[in-house]
Amino acid sequence: MLDYFPQKGHWKGRQNTMTKIRRGFFNGVSAAIGGMVLAVNAQSIAFMNVKSFSIPRSDTSYAVQEHVLQQIGLLIMAFGLFLILLTYHEYLRTSIRDD
């Protein structure tokens, strides 16, 4: 368990906490951006090797693959946003006093 208010080396403990908060925020932003890129580019990824198709696109397995990729991208983006929210909440809970 992380001790937020140690008696000795309070500044070092706060510095370690802030490093973890920065790392969590960076990971959350990376996941959110990566998920958004995957969701937006799902059609290009799914139809990468398809030159033309004669039947409606919604009846192909590529359309199913596109939908799955969009859902995975949105899930990764939601995870990243949730991680940012948790990191921000932890940042607000940290002590700002410098004894």
N, C-alpha and C. Protein backbone atom coordinates (compact mmCIF):
# COMPACT_ATOMS: atom_id res chain seq x y z
N MET A 1 0.84 -1.18 0.00
CA MET A 1 0.00 0.00 0.00
C MET A 1 0.88 1.24 0.00
N LEU A 2 0.51 2.21 -0.79
CA LEU A 2 1.27 3.44 -0.92
C LEU A 2 0.98 4.35 0.27
N ASP A 3 2.04 4.79 0.95
CA ASP A 3 1.89 5.66 2.11
C ASP A 3 2.02 7.11 1.63
N TYR A 4 0.94 7.87 1.70
CA TYR A 4 0.95 9.23 1.19
C TYR A 4 1.59 10.23 2.14
N PHE A 5 1.63 9.92 3.43
CA PHE A 5 2.14 10.87 4.41
C PHE A 5 3.24 10.24 5.26
N PRO A 6 4.37 9.89 4.67
CA PRO A 6 5.45 9.32 5.49
C PRO A 6 6.11 10.40 6.34
N GLN A 7 6.66 9.99 7.47
CA GLN A 7 7.32 10.95 8.36
C GLN A 7 8.66 11.40 7.79
N LYS A 8 9.45 10.46 7.32
CA LYS A 8 10.76 10.80 6.74
C LYS A 8 10.63 10.83 5.22
N GLY A 9 11.28 11.78 4.62
CA GLY A 9 11.30 11.85 3.17
C GLY A 9 9.94 12.11 2.55
N HIS A 10 9.19 13.01 3.15
CA HIS A 10 7.85 13.32 2.63
C HIS A 10 7.93 13.78 1.17
N TRP A 11 8.93 14.59 0.85
CA TRP A 11 9.04 15.10 -0.51
C TRP A 11 9.30 13.97 -1.50
N LYS A 12 10.13 13.01 -1.11
CA LYS A 12 10.43 11.89 -2.00
C LYS A 12 9.18 11.05 -2.23
N GLY A 13 8.37 10.86 -1.18
CA GLY A 13 7.13 10.11 -1.34
C GLY A 13 6.16 10.82 -2.26
N ARG A 14 6.07 12.15 -2.13
CA ARG A 14 5.19 12.92 -3.01
C ARG A 14 5.71 12.90 -4.44
N GLN A 15 7.02 12.97 -4.60
CA GLN A 15 7.60 12.95 -5.94
C GLN A 15 7.31 11.61 -6.61
N ASN A 16 7.40 10.52 -5.86
CA ASN A 16 7.10 9.20 -6.40
C ASN A 16 5.63 9.11 -6.79
N THR A 17 4.74 9.68 -5.97
CA THR A 17 3.31 9.69 -6.29
C THR A 17 3.04 10.50 -7.55
N MET A 18 3.66 11.64 -7.67
CA MET A 18 3.45 12.47 -8.85
C MET A 18 3.98 11.79 -10.12
N THR A 19 5.07 11.04 -9.99
CA THR A 19 5.58 10.29 -11.14
C THR A 19 4.58 9.23 -11.58
N LYS A 20 3.98 8.57 -10.63
CA LYS A 20 2.96 7.56 -10.96
C LYS A 20 1.73 8.21 -11.58
N ILE A 21 1.36 9.38 -11.10
CA ILE A 21 0.21 10.09 -11.65
C ILE A 21 0.49 10.51 -13.09
N ARG A 22 1.69 11.05 -13.34
CA ARG A 22 2.05 11.43 -14.71
C ARG A 22 2.05 10.23 -15.65
N ARG A 23 2.59 9.13 -15.18
CA ARG A 23 2.65 7.92 -15.99
C ARG A 23 1.24 7.40 -16.29
N GLY A 24 0.37 7.41 -15.29
CA GLY A 24 -1.01 6.99 -15.50
C GLY A 24 -1.75 7.89 -16.47
N PHE A 25 -1.52 9.20 -16.36
CA PHE A 25 -2.17 10.14 -17.28
C PHE A 25 -1.68 9.92 -18.70
N PHE A 26 -0.37 9.74 -18.87
CA PHE A 26 0.19 9.50 -20.20
C PHE A 26 -0.35 8.20 -20.80
N ASN A 27 -0.44 7.15 -20.00
CA ASN A 27 -1.00 5.88 -20.49
C ASN A 27 -2.47 6.03 -20.87
N GLY A 28 -3.22 6.79 -20.08
CA GLY A 28 -4.62 7.02 -20.39
C GLY A 28 -4.81 7.79 -21.68
N VAL A 29 -4.01 8.83 -21.88
CA VAL A 29 -4.09 9.62 -23.11
C VAL A 29 -3.70 8.76 -24.31
N SER A 30 -2.65 7.96 -24.15
CA SER A 30 -2.21 7.08 -25.24
C SER A 30 -3.30 6.08 -25.61
N ALA A 31 -3.93 5.47 -24.61
CA ALA A 31 -4.99 4.50 -24.88
C ALA A 31 -6.19 5.17 -25.52
N ALA A 32 -6.56 6.35 -25.06
CA ALA A 32 -7.71 7.06 -25.63
C ALA A 32 -7.45 7.43 -27.09
N ILE A 33 -6.27 7.94 -27.38
CA ILE A 33 -5.95 8.32 -28.76
C ILE A 33 -5.85 7.07 -29.65
N GLY A 34 -5.20 6.02 -29.15
CA GLY A 34 -5.09 4.78 -29.92
C GLY A 34 -6.44 4.16 -30.21
N GLY A 35 -7.33 4.15 -29.24
CA GLY A 35 -8.67 3.62 -29.44
C GLY A 35 -9.46 4.44 -30.44
N MET A 36 -9.31 5.75 -30.36
CA MET A 36 -10.01 6.62 -31.29
C MET A 36 -9.51 6.40 -32.72
N VAL A 37 -8.21 6.26 -32.89
CA VAL A 37 -7.64 6.02 -34.22
C VAL A 37 -8.13 4.68 -34.77
N LEU A 38 -8.17 3.66 -33.92
CA LEU A 38 -8.66 2.35 -34.36
C LEU A 38 -10.13 2.42 -34.76
N ALA A 39 -10.94 3.10 -33.98
CA ALA A 39 -12.36 3.20 -34.30
C ALA A 39 -12.60 3.97 -35.60
N VAL A 40 -11.84 5.02 -35.82
CA VAL A 40 -12.03 5.83 -37.03
C VAL A 40 -11.53 5.09 -38.27
N ASN A 41 -10.43 4.35 -38.14
CA ASN A 41 -9.84 3.67 -39.28
C ASN A 41 -10.30 2.22 -39.43
N ALA A 42 -11.35 1.84 -38.76
CA ALA A 42 -11.80 0.44 -38.81
C ALA A 42 -12.19 0.02 -40.22
N GLN A 43 -12.83 0.88 -40.97
CA GLN A 43 -13.23 0.53 -42.32
C GLN A 43 -12.02 0.32 -43.22
N SER A 44 -11.04 1.19 -43.10
CA SER A 44 -9.83 1.04 -43.91
C SER A 44 -9.09 -0.24 -43.57
N ILE A 45 -9.07 -0.59 -42.30
CA ILE A 45 -8.38 -1.81 -41.89
C ILE A 45 -9.15 -3.04 -42.35
N ALA A 46 -10.45 -3.04 -42.19
CA ALA A 46 -11.25 -4.21 -42.55
C ALA A 46 -11.28 -4.46 -44.05
N PHE A 47 -11.33 -3.41 -44.84
CA PHE A 47 -11.43 -3.54 -46.29
C PHE A 47 -10.08 -3.32 -46.97
N MET A 48 -8.99 -3.62 -46.28
CA MET A 48 -7.66 -3.35 -46.79
C MET A 48 -7.37 -4.14 -48.08
N ASN A 49 -7.72 -5.41 -48.12
CA ASN A 49 -7.38 -6.26 -49.26
C ASN A 49 -8.52 -6.40 -50.27
N VAL A 50 -9.59 -5.65 -50.09
CA VAL A 50 -10.75 -5.77 -50.98
C VAL A 50 -10.65 -4.70 -52.07
N LYS A 51 -10.64 -5.15 -53.31
CA LYS A 51 -10.59 -4.20 -54.43
C LYS A 51 -11.99 -3.73 -54.81
N SER A 52 -12.92 -4.67 -54.92
CA SER A 52 -14.31 -4.31 -55.23
C SER A 52 -15.20 -5.44 -54.74
N PHE A 53 -16.45 -5.13 -54.52
CA PHE A 53 -17.41 -6.14 -54.10
C PHE A 53 -18.73 -5.85 -54.78
N SER A 54 -19.40 -6.91 -55.20
CA SER A 54 -20.62 -6.72 -55.97
C SER A 54 -21.87 -6.68 -55.10
N ILE A 55 -21.86 -7.39 -53.98
CA ILE A 55 -23.03 -7.39 -53.12
C ILE A 55 -22.96 -6.22 -52.15
N PRO A 56 -24.06 -5.87 -51.52
CA PRO A 56 -24.01 -4.77 -50.54
C PRO A 56 -22.97 -5.04 -49.44
N ARG A 57 -22.33 -4.00 -49.04
CA ARG A 57 -21.23 -4.11 -48.08
C ARG A 57 -21.68 -4.69 -46.74
N SER A 58 -22.91 -4.42 -46.36
CA SER A 58 -23.40 -4.89 -45.05
C SER A 58 -23.56 -6.40 -44.99
N ASP A 59 -23.56 -7.07 -46.13
CA ASP A 59 -23.72 -8.52 -46.13
C ASP A 59 -22.40 -9.27 -46.16
N THR A 60 -21.28 -8.59 -46.08
CA THR A 60 -19.99 -9.25 -46.17
C THR A 60 -19.40 -9.48 -44.79
N SER A 61 -18.44 -10.38 -44.73
CA SER A 61 -17.73 -10.60 -43.47
C SER A 61 -16.83 -9.43 -43.14
N TYR A 62 -16.47 -8.64 -44.15
CA TYR A 62 -15.64 -7.46 -43.91
C TYR A 62 -16.40 -6.42 -43.09
N ALA A 63 -17.70 -6.31 -43.32
CA ALA A 63 -18.50 -5.36 -42.55
C ALA A 63 -18.57 -5.78 -41.08
N VAL A 64 -18.65 -7.08 -40.87
CA VAL A 64 -18.64 -7.57 -39.48
C VAL A 64 -17.30 -7.28 -38.83
N GLN A 65 -16.23 -7.49 -39.58
CA GLN A 65 -14.90 -7.20 -39.06
C GLN A 65 -14.76 -5.70 -38.77
N GLU A 66 -15.30 -4.87 -39.63
CA GLU A 66 -15.26 -3.42 -39.40
C GLU A 66 -16.00 -3.05 -38.12
N HIS A 67 -17.17 -3.63 -37.92
CA HIS A 67 -17.94 -3.35 -36.71
C HIS A 67 -17.20 -3.80 -35.46
N VAL A 68 -16.60 -4.97 -35.51
CA VAL A 68 -15.84 -5.47 -34.36
C VAL A 68 -14.66 -4.55 -34.06
N LEU A 69 -13.95 -4.12 -35.09
CA LEU A 69 -12.81 -3.21 -34.88
C LEU A 69 -13.26 -1.88 -34.30
N GLN A 70 -14.41 -1.38 -34.75
CA GLN A 70 -14.93 -0.14 -34.18
C GLN A 70 -15.26 -0.31 -32.70
N GLN A 71 -15.87 -1.42 -32.35
CA GLN A 71 -16.23 -1.66 -30.95
C GLN A 71 -14.99 -1.82 -30.08
N ILE A 72 -13.99 -2.51 -30.59
CA ILE A 72 -12.73 -2.66 -29.83
C ILE A 72 -12.07 -1.30 -29.65
N GLY A 73 -12.06 -0.49 -30.70
CA GLY A 73 -11.49 0.85 -30.59
C GLY A 73 -12.21 1.71 -29.58
N LEU A 74 -13.53 1.65 -29.57
CA LEU A 74 -14.31 2.42 -28.59
C LEU A 74 -14.08 1.92 -27.17
N LEU A 75 -13.92 0.62 -27.02
CA LEU A 75 -13.64 0.06 -25.69
C LEU A 75 -12.28 0.51 -25.18
N ILE A 76 -11.27 0.50 -26.06
CA ILE A 76 -9.94 0.97 -25.66
C ILE A 76 -9.98 2.46 -25.34
N MET A 77 -10.71 3.24 -26.12
CA MET A 77 -10.83 4.66 -25.85
C MET A 77 -11.53 4.91 -24.51
N ALA A 78 -12.57 4.15 -24.22
CA ALA A 78 -13.28 4.31 -22.94
C ALA A 78 -12.36 3.94 -21.77
N PHE A 79 -11.55 2.90 -21.95
CA PHE A 79 -10.59 2.53 -20.91
C PHE A 79 -9.60 3.65 -20.67
N GLY A 80 -9.10 4.26 -21.75
CA GLY A 80 -8.16 5.36 -21.61
C GLY A 80 -8.77 6.55 -20.91
N LEU A 81 -10.01 6.88 -21.25
CA LEU A 81 -10.68 8.00 -20.58
C LEU A 81 -10.94 7.71 -19.12
N PHE A 82 -11.28 6.46 -18.81
CA PHE A 82 -11.48 6.07 -17.41
C PHE A 82 -10.17 6.15 -16.64
N LEU A 83 -9.07 5.76 -17.28
CA LEU A 83 -7.76 5.85 -16.63
C LEU A 83 -7.39 7.31 -16.37
N ILE A 84 -7.71 8.20 -17.31
CA ILE A 84 -7.46 9.63 -17.10
C ILE A 84 -8.29 10.14 -15.92
N LEU A 85 -9.55 9.71 -15.85
CA LEU A 85 -10.42 10.13 -14.75
C LEU A 85 -9.87 9.66 -13.40
N LEU A 86 -9.44 8.41 -13.33
CA LEU A 86 -8.86 7.89 -12.08
C LEU A 86 -7.58 8.62 -11.71
N THR A 87 -6.76 8.91 -12.69
CA THR A 87 -5.51 9.62 -12.44
C THR A 87 -5.78 11.03 -11.93
N TYR A 88 -6.74 11.70 -12.53
CA TYR A 88 -7.10 13.05 -12.10
C TYR A 88 -7.66 13.03 -10.68
N HIS A 89 -8.47 12.02 -10.38
CA HIS A 89 -9.01 11.87 -9.03
C HIS A 89 -7.88 11.66 -8.02
N GLU A 90 -6.91 10.84 -8.37
CA GLU A 90 -5.77 10.60 -7.47
C GLU A 90 -4.93 11.86 -7.31
N TYR A 91 -4.80 12.63 -8.37
CA TYR A 91 -4.06 13.89 -8.29
C TYR A 91 -4.74 14.85 -7.32
N LEU A 92 -6.06 14.91 -7.36
CA LEU A 92 -6.77 15.81 -6.46
C LEU A 92 -6.69 15.35 -5.01
N ARG A 93 -6.47 14.07 -4.79
CA ARG A 93 -6.38 13.55 -3.43
C ARG A 93 -5.01 13.71 -2.81
N THR A 94 -3.98 13.98 -3.59
CA THR A 94 -2.62 14.07 -3.04
C THR A 94 -2.47 15.32 -2.20
N SER A 95 -1.59 15.23 -1.25
CA SER A 95 -1.33 16.36 -0.36
C SER A 95 -0.45 17.37 -1.06
N ILE A 96 -0.71 18.65 -0.85
CA ILE A 96 0.11 19.67 -1.48
C ILE A 96 1.04 20.34 -0.46
N ARG A 97 0.93 19.97 0.80
CA ARG A 97 1.80 20.59 1.79
C ARG A 97 3.21 20.02 1.67
N ASP A 98 4.19 20.80 1.99
CA ASP A 98 5.58 20.44 1.80
C ASP A 98 6.33 20.61 3.12
N ASP A 99 6.11 19.67 4.06
CA ASP A 99 6.73 19.77 5.40
C ASP A 99 8.18 19.42 5.33
